[in-house]
Amino acid sequence: MSKSELLLPAGSLVKLKTAIMYGADAVYAGTPDMSLRTQSKISLEDLHEGIKFVHDHGKKIYLTLNLYVHNEEADKLPQFVQTLRDLKPDGVLISDPGVFYYLKENAPELNRFVSTQANVCSSQTVKFWQSMGAKLCVLGREVTFAELQQIRKDCPDILLETFVHGAMCMSYSGRCLISNYLADRSANKGKCAHCCRWHYKLHLKLKDGTIKDLEINEHNKDLFEYFLQEDFRPDEYYEVVEDEHGGYMLNSKDMCLMPRLNQILDIGMDSLKIEGRNKTEYYAGTVARAYRQAVDDYYKDPQNWDYAKYMPDLNTLQTRGYCLGFHDGKLTNISQNYEYTRTLGEWLFAGSIVEWQGNDAIFELRNYINSGEFIEFLIPNGLDNLRLTLTEFEDADTGEITSRVSAGQGKKIRIKPSAWDKPIEQVKKLLPQYTIARKLGGLNGENKQMFDRKQEEFELLCKK
């Protein structure tokens, strides 16, 4: 059995390097002028450096040309494609059949991959794209495991990629008009405003035409429950939950298929895709490390593989709660988060080692750190961590000593060799440049209760 590729997002050059260091086999990236990712922070100069970094490490990089072109954008295709030919990526992700055909005719040496935006959900569609010359198809998030299994069986001679972790879309693999309607930002142009995550208020319209607020307060909140009923499903009721902040009727939880990863590996999927180009390098490193270890452990001993070993790391991330996506079949109410739209987690991104100056670690802050508070460095190539407690902080640029530091404007501190409880050469080997670190976030009260409940819901979902 060939080993599945672990594919991570690269929303910036630092995230690209972090993902590779923490175990990604490949990364995917895009620039604003060539993809759906209008908020991409990778420039063409970054891509040149990133591609060299990836290839020097024996890994792969895929670039996106997955926009749906209008005539004005089609006029720019020659320039876009020439840029891709100059960059020489290992593959190009495409959605638009016209763009696919243009590359086939004008850049035949480039591997053409079919993006998730093309909504490939059947064996027949995979076979179509294969006949057009596609080397790989990214299957839609809506594909269940039973369908995945059948597609793999029906299409053995083309590379198949499936999502295993990241945000879910309440629409159909990003084909959504809500953002365009409410915010004049097209999700299909990479400008999604995530209106499905917004909170909404329930109102009543009286027969005289006036609209009144339906106020839910401590005096009446337990008197009523609110449901939507659809004409053709008279016995099914969709609960509308609203608190003092509003309601979140369209807000999906995040996908986490770690509990089903053994099934996906067992049928021989070629690529395992992680979503999240707009997430932090802490997200990229943490997810890469957990799935890298899980994949390697499965191939070593599939019979004794247990997903529970890898969940503690994934649970340190800020999430909306986890679900299994469409893997087990149609979505259920457990896949939605009706209570809140913000992300929650017990840990925070503390920062990362941006360089070593001799034996001094230069640590860039991404959160405040108090004197006596420990930070935990995530060691690449495994699941081990190294904790460090500092009682004072030296500014890396000015040398100023303080008892508390906050992030902002590239704030960095200098960590001297004497701070570690290990020989400095050993520390430098364990924690190379781009090593990430986390700190406890002090989750408590109602947020802690909601966080714990979401974890319990996920565990129940995984046991079904």
Protein backbone atom coordinates (compact mmCIF):
# COMPACT_ATOMS: atom_id res chain seq x y z
CA MET A 1 0.00 0.00 0.00
CA SER A 2 1.35 3.42 -0.92
CA LYS A 3 1.48 5.87 1.96
CA SER A 4 -1.09 8.67 2.03
CA GLU A 5 0.26 12.19 1.63
CA LEU A 6 -0.36 14.70 4.43
CA LEU A 7 -1.26 18.04 2.83
CA LEU A 8 -1.22 21.29 4.83
CA PRO A 9 -2.29 24.85 3.96
CA ALA A 10 0.33 27.57 3.51
CA GLY A 11 -1.31 30.95 4.01
CA SER A 12 2.04 32.67 4.43
CA LEU A 13 5.71 31.85 4.01
CA VAL A 14 6.13 31.25 7.76
CA LYS A 15 3.12 28.92 7.83
CA LEU A 16 4.54 27.05 4.85
CA LYS A 17 7.85 26.46 6.60
CA THR A 18 6.15 25.59 9.88
CA ALA A 19 3.93 22.99 8.21
CA ILE A 20 6.88 21.33 6.49
CA MET A 21 8.94 21.29 9.70
CA TYR A 22 6.10 19.67 11.64
CA GLY A 23 5.59 16.85 9.18
CA ALA A 24 3.62 17.88 6.09
CA ASP A 25 4.44 15.91 2.94
CA ALA A 26 3.09 18.73 0.82
CA VAL A 27 1.58 22.21 1.12
CA TYR A 28 -0.84 24.18 -1.02
CA ALA A 29 -0.75 27.93 -1.51
CA GLY A 30 -2.17 30.68 -3.66
CA THR A 31 -1.70 34.35 -4.41
CA PRO A 32 -4.59 36.85 -4.55
CA ASP A 33 -4.30 37.32 -8.30
CA MET A 34 -4.34 33.62 -9.15
CA SER A 35 -6.84 31.95 -6.82
CA LEU A 36 -9.91 32.20 -4.64
CA ARG A 37 -7.75 33.26 -1.70
CA THR A 38 -8.01 37.05 -1.84
CA GLN A 39 -6.56 37.32 1.66
CA SER A 40 -3.48 35.27 0.88
CA LYS A 41 -0.34 36.71 2.46
CA ILE A 42 2.05 35.03 0.04
CA SER A 43 3.68 37.18 -2.61
CA LEU A 44 5.37 35.89 -5.75
CA GLU A 45 8.74 36.47 -4.07
CA ASP A 46 7.54 34.38 -1.13
CA LEU A 47 6.44 31.63 -3.49
CA HIS A 48 9.87 31.46 -5.10
CA GLU A 49 11.48 31.13 -1.66
CA GLY A 50 8.77 28.75 -0.43
CA ILE A 51 9.05 26.42 -3.43
CA LYS A 52 12.81 26.23 -2.99
CA PHE A 53 12.38 25.52 0.75
CA VAL A 54 9.82 22.78 0.06
CA HIS A 55 11.86 21.10 -2.65
CA ASP A 56 15.08 21.34 -0.60
CA HIS A 57 13.24 19.31 2.06
CA GLY A 58 12.11 16.72 -0.47
CA LYS A 59 8.46 17.76 -0.22
CA LYS A 60 5.85 19.04 -2.70
CA ILE A 61 3.92 22.25 -3.22
CA TYR A 62 0.69 22.84 -5.12
CA LEU A 63 -0.54 26.24 -6.29
CA THR A 64 -4.10 27.37 -6.94
CA LEU A 65 -5.65 28.76 -10.08
CA ASN A 66 -9.12 27.84 -8.88
CA LEU A 67 -11.08 30.98 -9.65
CA TYR A 68 -14.14 30.87 -11.91
CA VAL A 69 -13.24 33.24 -14.70
CA HIS A 70 -15.33 35.94 -16.30
CA ASN A 71 -14.25 37.35 -19.65
CA GLU A 72 -12.19 40.13 -18.04
CA GLU A 73 -10.29 37.57 -15.96
CA ALA A 74 -9.86 35.20 -18.91
CA ASP A 75 -7.83 37.93 -20.59
CA LYS A 76 -5.30 37.61 -17.78
CA LEU A 77 -4.88 33.84 -18.12
CA PRO A 78 -1.75 34.01 -20.30
CA GLN A 79 0.01 36.06 -17.62
CA PHE A 80 -1.19 33.80 -14.78
CA VAL A 81 -0.16 30.64 -16.58
CA GLN A 82 3.25 31.99 -17.51
CA THR A 83 3.79 32.79 -13.84
CA LEU A 84 2.95 29.19 -12.96
CA ARG A 85 5.30 27.86 -15.63
CA ASP A 86 8.10 29.99 -14.18
CA LEU A 87 7.39 28.83 -10.62
CA LYS A 88 7.27 25.10 -11.55
CA PRO A 89 4.99 23.82 -8.75
CA ASP A 90 4.26 20.11 -8.36
CA GLY A 91 0.62 20.63 -9.28
CA VAL A 92 -1.99 23.30 -10.05
CA LEU A 93 -5.48 23.25 -8.50
CA ILE A 94 -8.21 24.26 -10.96
CA SER A 95 -12.01 24.54 -10.76
CA ASP A 96 -13.11 26.12 -14.03
CA PRO A 97 -13.24 23.71 -17.03
CA GLY A 98 -12.20 26.56 -19.31
CA VAL A 99 -9.11 27.25 -17.21
CA PHE A 100 -8.37 23.53 -17.09
CA TYR A 101 -8.52 23.33 -20.90
CA TYR A 102 -6.36 26.44 -21.27
CA LEU A 103 -3.60 24.89 -19.14
CA LYS A 104 -3.90 21.62 -21.03
CA GLU A 105 -3.28 23.46 -24.30
CA ASN A 106 -0.75 26.04 -23.12
CA ALA A 107 1.12 24.46 -20.19
CA PRO A 108 0.89 20.69 -20.71
CA GLU A 109 3.93 20.06 -18.51
CA LEU A 110 2.05 21.22 -15.38
CA ASN A 111 0.14 18.59 -13.37
CA ARG A 112 -3.53 19.59 -13.36
CA PHE A 113 -5.48 18.90 -10.17
CA VAL A 114 -9.25 19.41 -9.82
CA SER A 115 -10.08 21.69 -6.87
CA THR A 116 -12.79 21.08 -4.28
CA GLN A 117 -14.62 24.05 -5.78
CA ALA A 118 -15.48 21.81 -8.75
CA ASN A 119 -17.69 19.72 -6.41
CA VAL A 120 -16.49 16.26 -7.38
CA CYS A 121 -18.79 13.85 -5.54
CA SER A 122 -19.09 10.75 -7.75
CA SER A 123 -17.09 8.16 -9.65
CA GLN A 124 -18.58 9.42 -12.90
CA THR A 125 -17.28 12.95 -12.31
CA VAL A 126 -13.83 11.64 -11.38
CA LYS A 127 -13.74 9.61 -14.60
CA PHE A 128 -14.72 12.69 -16.61
CA TRP A 129 -11.86 14.76 -15.21
CA GLN A 130 -9.48 11.85 -15.64
CA SER A 131 -10.41 11.66 -19.32
CA MET A 132 -9.58 15.38 -19.56
CA GLY A 133 -6.10 14.73 -18.24
CA ALA A 134 -6.47 15.42 -14.51
CA LYS A 135 -3.80 13.83 -12.33
CA LEU A 136 -5.75 14.29 -9.08
CA CYS A 137 -9.30 15.08 -7.96
CA VAL A 138 -10.08 16.73 -4.63
CA LEU A 139 -13.37 15.20 -3.50
CA GLY A 140 -16.05 17.44 -2.04
CA ARG A 141 -16.61 17.58 1.70
CA GLU A 142 -20.12 16.25 1.05
CA VAL A 143 -18.80 12.79 0.08
CA THR A 144 -19.55 10.15 2.71
CA PHE A 145 -17.12 7.37 3.57
CA ALA A 146 -19.28 4.79 1.79
CA GLU A 147 -19.13 6.95 -1.34
CA LEU A 148 -15.41 7.53 -0.85
CA GLN A 149 -14.87 3.81 -0.69
CA GLN A 150 -16.83 3.22 -3.90
CA ILE A 151 -15.07 6.04 -5.76
CA ARG A 152 -11.68 4.62 -4.76
CA LYS A 153 -12.74 1.21 -6.05
CA ASP A 154 -14.16 2.58 -9.31
CA CYS A 155 -11.23 4.93 -9.98
CA PRO A 156 -8.00 3.12 -9.06
CA ASP A 157 -5.78 4.88 -11.60
CA ILE A 158 -6.12 8.52 -10.54
CA LEU A 159 -4.95 10.28 -7.40
CA LEU A 160 -7.75 11.10 -4.95
CA GLU A 161 -7.67 13.68 -2.19
CA THR A 162 -10.09 14.09 0.72
CA PHE A 163 -10.50 16.63 3.52
CA VAL A 164 -9.79 15.33 7.01
CA HIS A 165 -9.64 18.46 9.18
CA GLY A 166 -10.75 22.09 9.20
CA ALA A 167 -13.71 24.42 8.93
CA MET A 168 -16.96 23.27 7.37
CA CYS A 169 -19.16 25.33 5.07
CA MET A 170 -22.92 25.37 5.60
CA SER A 171 -23.26 25.56 1.82
CA TYR A 172 -21.97 23.19 -0.86
CA SER A 173 -18.17 23.25 -0.76
CA GLY A 174 -18.11 27.03 -0.73
CA ARG A 175 -20.74 27.63 -3.44
CA CYS A 176 -22.65 30.12 -1.31
CA LEU A 177 -24.59 33.29 -2.12
CA ILE A 178 -25.31 34.46 1.43
CA SER A 179 -22.11 36.47 1.73
CA ASN A 180 -22.69 38.08 -1.65
CA TYR A 181 -26.26 38.97 -0.71
CA LEU A 182 -25.60 40.33 2.79
CA ALA A 183 -22.11 41.79 2.48
CA ASP A 184 -21.49 42.21 -1.27
CA ARG A 185 -18.55 39.83 -0.90
CA SER A 186 -18.57 36.77 -3.13
CA ALA A 187 -17.63 33.49 -1.50
CA ASN A 188 -16.88 32.19 -4.97
CA LYS A 189 -14.24 34.89 -5.39
CA GLY A 190 -12.57 34.09 -2.10
CA LYS A 191 -14.10 37.02 -0.22
CA CYS A 192 -16.54 35.13 2.04
CA ALA A 193 -17.72 37.23 4.99
CA HIS A 194 -18.79 34.05 6.84
CA CYS A 195 -22.35 35.29 7.29
CA CYS A 196 -23.28 31.77 8.41
CA ARG A 197 -21.26 32.49 11.57
CA TRP A 198 -23.11 35.74 12.36
CA HIS A 199 -25.74 35.92 15.08
CA TYR A 200 -29.33 36.56 14.06
CA LYS A 201 -32.28 37.97 15.99
CA LEU A 202 -35.82 36.62 15.83
CA HIS A 203 -38.59 39.17 15.15
CA LEU A 204 -42.37 39.06 14.89
CA LYS A 205 -44.42 40.72 12.19
CA LEU A 206 -47.88 41.79 13.38
CA LYS A 207 -50.92 41.80 11.15
CA ASP A 208 -50.86 45.59 10.93
CA GLY A 209 -47.47 45.29 9.20
CA THR A 210 -45.27 46.42 12.07
CA ILE A 211 -42.25 44.37 13.09
CA LYS A 212 -41.52 43.85 16.78
CA ASP A 213 -38.52 42.48 18.57
CA LEU A 214 -39.06 39.11 20.20
CA GLU A 215 -37.27 39.76 23.45
CA ILE A 216 -35.94 36.70 25.24
CA ASN A 217 -34.96 37.45 28.82
CA GLU A 218 -34.55 35.70 32.15
CA HIS A 219 -38.28 35.95 32.84
CA ASN A 220 -39.56 34.22 29.69
CA LYS A 221 -36.63 32.21 28.30
CA ASP A 222 -37.90 28.95 29.83
CA LEU A 223 -41.53 29.41 28.77
CA PHE A 224 -41.12 28.78 25.05
CA GLU A 225 -39.24 26.77 22.48
CA TYR A 226 -39.13 27.85 18.85
CA PHE A 227 -39.15 25.58 15.80
CA LEU A 228 -39.21 25.89 12.04
CA GLN A 229 -41.35 23.49 10.01
CA GLU A 230 -40.94 22.83 6.30
CA ASP A 231 -44.04 22.00 4.24
CA PHE A 232 -42.83 18.67 2.90
CA ARG A 233 -41.53 17.48 6.28
CA PRO A 234 -44.53 17.99 8.55
CA ASP A 235 -43.17 15.74 11.29
CA GLU A 236 -39.70 17.29 11.44
CA TYR A 237 -39.00 20.41 13.48
CA TYR A 238 -35.88 22.53 13.26
CA GLU A 239 -35.16 24.08 16.63
CA VAL A 240 -34.33 27.79 16.70
CA VAL A 241 -32.12 28.49 19.69
CA GLU A 242 -31.50 32.06 20.77
CA ASP A 243 -29.89 33.61 23.82
CA GLU A 244 -29.10 37.19 24.78
CA HIS A 245 -26.45 37.27 22.04
CA GLY A 246 -28.76 36.02 19.28
CA GLY A 247 -29.05 32.72 17.42
CA TYR A 248 -26.57 30.81 15.23
CA MET A 249 -28.79 28.74 12.97
CA LEU A 250 -26.24 28.21 10.17
CA ASN A 251 -23.01 27.86 12.15
CA SER A 252 -21.22 24.58 11.50
CA LYS A 253 -18.71 22.96 13.80
CA ASP A 254 -15.22 22.18 12.51
CA MET A 255 -14.39 18.89 10.84
CA CYS A 256 -12.07 16.45 12.60
CA LEU A 257 -11.75 12.99 11.04
CA MET A 258 -8.97 11.79 13.31
CA PRO A 259 -11.38 9.20 14.84
CA ARG A 260 -12.04 7.83 11.32
CA LEU A 261 -8.53 8.27 9.92
CA ASN A 262 -7.83 4.53 9.99
CA GLN A 263 -10.78 3.92 7.65
CA ILE A 264 -9.52 6.51 5.18
CA LEU A 265 -5.98 5.16 5.26
CA ASP A 266 -7.24 1.61 4.92
CA ILE A 267 -8.86 2.22 1.52
CA GLY A 268 -5.74 3.91 0.17
CA MET A 269 -6.59 7.58 -0.24
CA ASP A 270 -3.68 9.36 -1.86
CA SER A 271 -3.85 12.72 -0.10
CA LEU A 272 -5.24 13.90 3.25
CA LYS A 273 -6.12 17.57 3.13
CA ILE A 274 -6.12 19.99 6.06
CA GLU A 275 -8.14 23.22 5.67
CA GLY A 276 -7.01 26.54 7.13
CA ARG A 277 -4.89 28.95 5.09
CA ASN A 278 -6.11 31.85 7.22
CA LYS A 279 -5.25 30.10 10.50
CA THR A 280 -2.06 30.73 12.50
CA GLU A 281 1.22 28.89 12.25
CA TYR A 282 0.31 27.38 15.65
CA TYR A 283 -2.67 25.73 13.95
CA ALA A 284 -0.53 24.55 11.03
CA GLY A 285 2.17 23.09 13.27
CA THR A 286 -0.18 21.47 15.79
CA VAL A 287 -2.41 19.81 13.20
CA ALA A 288 0.55 18.70 11.07
CA ARG A 289 2.28 17.14 14.06
CA ALA A 290 -0.80 15.27 15.29
CA TYR A 291 -1.78 13.85 11.90
CA ARG A 292 1.84 13.09 10.97
CA GLN A 293 2.23 10.95 14.06
CA ALA A 294 -1.18 9.34 13.58
CA VAL A 295 -0.47 8.41 9.95
CA ASP A 296 2.98 7.01 10.73
CA ASP A 297 1.69 5.01 13.70
CA TYR A 298 -1.12 3.53 11.60
CA TYR A 299 1.27 2.18 8.97
CA LYS A 300 3.52 0.72 11.67
CA ASP A 301 0.74 -1.06 13.57
CA PRO A 302 -2.78 -0.64 12.13
CA GLN A 303 -4.35 -3.22 14.43
CA ASN A 304 -3.48 -1.34 17.61
CA TRP A 305 -3.99 2.18 16.28
CA ASP A 306 -6.13 4.40 18.56
CA TYR A 307 -7.20 7.93 17.66
CA ALA A 308 -7.44 8.94 21.34
CA LYS A 309 -3.64 9.28 21.47
CA TYR A 310 -3.71 12.27 19.11
CA MET A 311 -6.82 14.15 20.23
CA PRO A 312 -5.23 15.99 23.22
CA ASP A 313 -3.06 18.03 20.82
CA LEU A 314 -5.98 18.78 18.49
CA ASN A 315 -8.08 19.82 21.48
CA THR A 316 -5.58 22.58 22.32
CA LEU A 317 -6.72 24.46 19.20
CA GLN A 318 -9.34 27.18 19.24
CA THR A 319 -12.39 25.58 17.55
CA ARG A 320 -16.16 25.81 17.25
CA GLY A 321 -16.34 22.22 18.44
CA TYR A 322 -15.59 19.18 16.28
CA CYS A 323 -17.81 17.04 14.08
CA LEU A 324 -17.25 14.23 11.57
CA GLY A 325 -18.56 16.20 8.63
CA PHE A 326 -20.39 13.98 6.13
CA HIS A 327 -18.13 10.98 6.80
CA ASP A 328 -20.76 8.82 8.53
CA GLY A 329 -23.63 10.04 6.34
CA LYS A 330 -25.90 13.05 6.39
CA LEU A 331 -25.24 15.82 8.90
CA THR A 332 -27.08 15.79 12.21
CA ASN A 333 -27.81 18.49 14.76
CA ILE A 334 -24.55 17.53 16.51
CA SER A 335 -22.69 18.88 13.48
CA GLN A 336 -24.03 22.38 14.08
CA ASN A 337 -23.11 24.82 16.82
CA TYR A 338 -26.28 26.68 17.77
CA GLU A 339 -24.84 28.25 20.92
CA TYR A 340 -21.98 30.52 19.83
CA THR A 341 -19.97 31.48 16.77
CA ARG A 342 -16.62 32.27 18.39
CA THR A 343 -13.86 29.70 18.74
CA LEU A 344 -13.01 28.30 22.15
CA GLY A 345 -10.02 26.44 23.57
CA GLU A 346 -8.08 26.02 26.80
CA TRP A 347 -4.75 26.94 25.20
CA LEU A 348 -3.47 30.02 23.38
CA PHE A 349 -0.73 30.53 20.81
CA ALA A 350 2.16 31.92 22.88
CA GLY A 351 4.60 32.52 20.04
CA SER A 352 7.42 30.91 18.08
CA ILE A 353 11.19 30.78 17.85
CA VAL A 354 11.91 32.95 14.81
CA GLU A 355 15.68 32.48 14.95
CA TRP A 356 18.66 31.39 17.00
CA GLN A 357 21.33 34.04 17.55
CA GLY A 358 24.22 31.92 18.68
CA ASN A 359 22.84 30.17 21.77
CA ASP A 360 20.06 32.72 22.34
CA ALA A 361 16.55 31.87 21.20
CA ILE A 362 14.66 34.84 19.72
CA PHE A 363 11.03 34.25 20.59
CA GLU A 364 8.29 36.28 18.85
CA LEU A 365 5.24 36.77 21.05
CA ARG A 366 1.69 36.10 19.93
CA ASN A 367 0.13 36.49 23.39
CA TYR A 368 0.94 38.04 26.74
CA ILE A 369 3.09 36.08 29.22
CA ASN A 370 3.30 36.79 32.95
CA SER A 371 6.26 36.17 35.23
CA GLY A 372 6.19 32.58 36.50
CA GLU A 373 3.79 31.40 33.78
CA PHE A 374 4.97 28.37 31.82
CA ILE A 375 4.98 28.11 28.05
CA GLU A 376 5.05 24.78 26.26
CA PHE A 377 7.17 24.26 23.13
CA LEU A 378 5.94 21.64 20.66
CA ILE A 379 8.88 19.47 19.64
CA PRO A 380 8.69 18.41 15.95
CA ASN A 381 8.88 14.71 15.02
CA GLY A 382 6.69 13.30 17.77
CA LEU A 383 4.20 14.39 20.39
CA ASP A 384 6.62 15.45 23.12
CA ASN A 385 6.76 18.99 24.51
CA LEU A 386 9.29 21.07 26.41
CA ARG A 387 8.07 23.44 29.12
CA LEU A 388 9.82 26.62 30.14
CA THR A 389 9.03 29.07 32.95
CA LEU A 390 10.46 32.58 32.87
CA THR A 391 10.35 35.04 35.77
CA GLU A 392 11.58 38.00 33.72
CA PHE A 393 11.73 38.89 30.06
CA GLU A 394 14.47 40.57 28.05
CA ASP A 395 13.42 42.57 25.00
CA ALA A 396 15.34 41.11 22.04
CA ASP A 397 15.96 44.54 20.53
CA THR A 398 16.43 46.93 23.47
CA GLY A 399 17.55 44.62 26.26
CA GLU A 400 14.89 46.06 28.58
CA ILE A 401 13.91 43.70 31.41
CA THR A 402 10.24 43.40 32.44
CA SER A 403 8.10 41.03 34.55
CA ARG A 404 5.34 40.79 31.92
CA VAL A 405 5.31 40.96 28.13
CA SER A 406 2.56 41.45 25.58
CA ALA A 407 2.43 40.72 21.87
CA GLY A 408 2.26 43.35 19.17
CA GLN A 409 4.23 44.79 16.27
CA GLY A 410 6.64 41.88 16.08
CA LYS A 411 7.53 42.00 19.79
CA LYS A 412 10.36 39.56 20.55
CA ILE A 413 12.15 38.41 23.68
CA ARG A 414 15.60 36.88 24.07
CA ILE A 415 15.81 33.54 25.90
CA LYS A 416 19.32 32.91 27.24
CA PRO A 417 20.90 29.42 27.54
CA SER A 418 20.67 29.54 31.35
CA ALA A 419 16.84 29.56 31.16
CA TRP A 420 16.68 25.94 30.01
CA ASP A 421 17.10 22.89 32.19
CA LYS A 422 18.87 21.02 29.39
CA PRO A 423 22.21 21.56 27.63
CA ILE A 424 21.78 24.31 25.05
CA GLU A 425 22.97 22.16 22.14
CA GLN A 426 20.25 19.64 22.97
CA VAL A 427 17.65 22.41 23.19
CA LYS A 428 18.68 23.82 19.81
CA LYS A 429 18.34 20.38 18.27
CA LEU A 430 14.89 19.83 19.81
CA LEU A 431 13.58 23.32 19.03
CA PRO A 432 14.75 24.53 15.61
CA GLN A 433 13.69 27.76 13.96
CA TYR A 434 9.87 28.04 13.55
CA THR A 435 9.16 25.94 16.65
CA ILE A 436 5.78 26.99 18.06
CA ALA A 437 4.74 27.33 21.70
CA ARG A 438 1.46 27.54 23.60
CA LYS A 439 0.22 28.68 27.01
CA LEU A 440 -2.87 27.99 29.07
CA GLY A 441 -5.66 30.42 28.26
CA GLY A 442 -7.65 30.34 31.48
CA LEU A 443 -10.94 29.11 30.02
CA ASN A 444 -13.56 29.22 32.77
CA GLY A 445 -17.20 29.81 33.66
CA GLU A 446 -19.77 29.50 30.88
CA ASN A 447 -17.08 29.22 28.21
CA LYS A 448 -15.49 26.28 30.01
CA GLN A 449 -18.86 24.54 30.29
CA MET A 450 -19.58 25.01 26.58
CA PHE A 451 -16.09 23.81 25.65
CA ASP A 452 -16.44 20.66 27.75
CA ARG A 453 -19.92 19.98 26.37
CA LYS A 454 -18.68 20.21 22.77
CA GLN A 455 -15.94 17.69 23.53
CA GLU A 456 -18.48 15.33 25.11
CA GLU A 457 -20.76 15.67 22.08
CA PHE A 458 -17.87 14.79 19.78
CA GLU A 459 -16.96 11.73 21.79
CA LEU A 460 -20.57 10.52 21.63
CA LEU A 461 -20.58 11.11 17.87
CA CYS A 462 -17.36 9.13 17.42
CA LYS A 463 -18.74 6.11 19.31
CA LYS A 464 -21.82 5.74 17.12
